[in-house]
Amino acid sequence: MPELKATLRADMNTALKAHDELTTATLRMALAAVTTEEVSGSTARELTDDEVQRVLAKEAKKRREAAEAFTGAGRSELADRELAEGEVLARYLPSQLDDDELAELVRAAVAESGASEPRQMGAVMKLVQPRVAGRADGKRVSTEVRRQLGAG
């Protein structure tokens, strides 16, 4: 069993024993999403730690988007719950790049690709995405690439 999945299970059991409803429910949901991903496709398989991390990142993104929707609808108590679930999931994800680190990675990719205009954004994104791998939201990355190519 991948290490991350085992950690999720152990932490869920600990939270269950501690009567931590938020953490228990969030980790139970995360493990269900991992299991769903494992059995999707033509054959069942066990996910690697990187694949489990991608599932967790996708779930965290869902929580952020749901929180925004609830906030927009004036349902702050539901938005707070979604944000709290996102914080639980964030414990298992790599730390996010700050704006300066992201800008530096994009700057290096722009220089490496030789891109100088917005039409060449795809070439830059192809270089940047593997380097940020789960440490920055795709929307943040594309915004920074656009900003640098527009200014370049």
Protein backbone atom coordinates (compact mmCIF):
# COMPACT_ATOMS: atom_id res chain seq x y z
CA MET A 1 0.00 0.00 0.00
CA PRO A 2 1.40 3.42 -0.90
CA GLU A 3 2.71 5.34 2.06
CA LEU A 4 0.40 8.34 1.65
CA LYS A 5 -2.72 6.18 1.51
CA ALA A 6 -1.60 4.32 4.64
CA THR A 7 -0.99 7.65 6.38
CA LEU A 8 -4.49 8.82 5.44
CA ARG A 9 -6.02 5.64 6.88
CA ALA A 10 -3.99 5.88 10.10
CA ASP A 11 -4.83 9.56 10.55
CA MET A 12 -8.51 8.86 9.93
CA ASN A 13 -8.50 6.18 12.62
CA THR A 14 -6.75 8.54 15.03
CA ALA A 15 -9.31 11.28 14.30
CA LEU A 16 -12.13 8.79 14.75
CA LYS A 17 -10.84 7.79 18.18
CA ALA A 18 -10.38 11.47 19.11
CA HIS A 19 -13.99 12.22 18.01
CA ASP A 20 -12.69 14.79 15.50
CA GLU A 21 -15.69 14.82 13.19
CA LEU A 22 -14.27 17.26 10.62
CA THR A 23 -10.99 15.38 10.09
CA THR A 24 -12.71 11.98 10.12
CA ALA A 25 -15.30 13.02 7.53
CA THR A 26 -12.71 14.75 5.32
CA LEU A 27 -10.27 11.85 5.33
CA ARG A 28 -13.09 9.35 4.78
CA MET A 29 -14.14 11.39 1.72
CA ALA A 30 -10.53 11.56 0.50
CA LEU A 31 -10.04 7.81 0.85
CA ALA A 32 -13.31 7.22 -1.01
CA ALA A 33 -12.06 9.44 -3.85
CA VAL A 34 -8.77 7.49 -3.93
CA THR A 35 -10.65 4.18 -4.04
CA THR A 36 -12.91 5.48 -6.82
CA GLU A 37 -9.84 6.46 -8.82
CA GLU A 38 -8.28 3.03 -8.21
CA VAL A 39 -11.26 1.14 -9.60
CA SER A 40 -11.94 3.49 -12.51
CA GLY A 41 -10.80 2.34 -15.90
CA SER A 42 -10.66 -1.15 -17.32
CA THR A 43 -8.75 -2.77 -14.44
CA ALA A 44 -8.46 -2.01 -10.74
CA ARG A 45 -5.00 -0.92 -9.61
CA GLU A 46 -3.29 0.61 -6.63
CA LEU A 47 -2.36 4.28 -6.99
CA THR A 48 1.16 5.54 -6.39
CA ASP A 49 1.79 8.28 -3.83
CA ASP A 50 1.98 10.85 -6.65
CA GLU A 51 -1.38 9.72 -8.00
CA VAL A 52 -2.92 9.82 -4.50
CA GLN A 53 -1.54 13.33 -4.13
CA ARG A 54 -3.18 14.35 -7.43
CA VAL A 55 -6.53 13.00 -6.18
CA LEU A 56 -6.13 14.97 -2.94
CA ALA A 57 -5.24 18.12 -4.89
CA LYS A 58 -8.36 17.68 -7.02
CA GLU A 59 -10.49 17.25 -3.88
CA ALA A 60 -8.91 20.34 -2.29
CA LYS A 61 -9.71 22.33 -5.43
CA LYS A 62 -13.33 21.15 -5.25
CA ARG A 63 -13.49 22.43 -1.67
CA ARG A 64 -12.13 25.87 -2.67
CA GLU A 65 -14.61 26.15 -5.54
CA ALA A 66 -17.53 25.04 -3.34
CA ALA A 67 -16.51 27.58 -0.67
CA GLU A 68 -16.54 30.34 -3.29
CA ALA A 69 -19.98 29.25 -4.50
CA PHE A 70 -21.37 29.12 -0.95
CA THR A 71 -19.88 32.52 -0.14
CA GLY A 72 -21.45 33.98 -3.27
CA ALA A 73 -24.81 32.52 -2.24
CA GLY A 74 -24.53 34.01 1.25
CA ARG A 75 -24.07 30.62 2.97
CA SER A 76 -21.01 31.42 5.04
CA GLU A 77 -21.43 28.47 7.44
CA LEU A 78 -21.22 26.02 4.53
CA ALA A 79 -18.32 27.96 3.01
CA ASP A 80 -16.46 27.78 6.33
CA ARG A 81 -16.95 24.00 6.44
CA GLU A 82 -15.58 23.62 2.89
CA LEU A 83 -12.56 25.77 3.73
CA ALA A 84 -11.91 23.74 6.90
CA GLU A 85 -12.03 20.52 4.87
CA GLY A 86 -9.59 22.08 2.41
CA GLU A 87 -7.21 22.83 5.28
CA VAL A 88 -7.33 19.20 6.41
CA LEU A 89 -6.47 18.06 2.88
CA ALA A 90 -3.68 20.65 2.62
CA ARG A 91 -1.80 18.80 5.38
CA TYR A 92 -1.15 15.98 2.90
CA LEU A 93 -0.18 18.14 -0.07
CA PRO A 94 3.18 19.75 -0.83
CA SER A 95 3.48 23.35 0.31
CA GLN A 96 2.32 25.84 -2.29
CA LEU A 97 4.78 28.05 -4.15
CA ASP A 98 4.66 31.69 -3.18
CA ASP A 99 4.28 34.31 -5.92
CA ASP A 100 8.03 35.04 -6.15
CA GLU A 101 8.95 31.36 -6.51
CA LEU A 102 6.30 30.86 -9.16
CA ALA A 103 7.41 33.96 -11.07
CA GLU A 104 11.02 32.70 -11.04
CA LEU A 105 10.03 29.25 -12.37
CA VAL A 106 7.97 30.88 -15.14
CA ARG A 107 10.81 33.31 -15.94
CA ALA A 108 13.21 30.37 -16.35
CA ALA A 109 10.75 28.49 -18.57
CA VAL A 110 10.16 31.57 -20.74
CA ALA A 111 13.92 31.97 -21.20
CA GLU A 112 14.39 28.25 -21.91
CA SER A 113 11.59 28.13 -24.47
CA GLY A 114 12.56 31.41 -26.13
CA ALA A 115 8.91 32.51 -26.02
CA SER A 116 8.29 36.22 -26.43
CA GLU A 117 4.59 36.59 -27.14
CA PRO A 118 1.29 35.27 -25.76
CA ARG A 119 0.83 32.91 -28.73
CA GLN A 120 3.74 30.84 -27.40
CA MET A 121 2.09 30.26 -24.02
CA GLY A 122 1.66 26.51 -24.69
CA ALA A 123 5.41 25.96 -25.02
CA VAL A 124 6.05 27.72 -21.72
CA MET A 125 3.24 25.87 -19.92
CA LYS A 126 4.65 22.54 -21.14
CA LEU A 127 7.94 23.37 -19.42
CA VAL A 128 6.46 24.91 -16.25
CA GLN A 129 3.79 22.34 -15.36
CA PRO A 130 6.16 19.46 -14.46
CA ARG A 131 8.25 21.85 -12.35
CA VAL A 132 5.34 23.09 -10.26
CA ALA A 133 3.67 19.65 -10.02
CA GLY A 134 0.97 20.16 -7.43
CA ARG A 135 2.64 23.12 -5.76
CA ALA A 136 0.60 25.75 -7.62
CA ASP A 137 -2.90 25.84 -9.06
CA GLY A 138 -2.96 25.69 -12.87
CA LYS A 139 -4.92 28.93 -12.99
CA ARG A 140 -2.20 30.74 -11.02
CA VAL A 141 0.48 29.32 -13.33
CA SER A 142 -1.30 30.32 -16.54
CA THR A 143 -1.99 33.81 -15.17
CA GLU A 144 1.70 34.29 -14.38
CA VAL A 145 2.76 32.96 -17.82
CA ARG A 146 0.32 35.36 -19.52
CA ARG A 147 1.58 38.25 -17.41
CA GLN A 148 5.21 37.57 -18.29
CA LEU A 149 4.58 36.97 -21.98
CA GLY A 150 2.41 40.06 -22.23
CA ALA A 151 5.17 42.13 -20.61
CA GLY A 152 7.94 40.39 -22.58
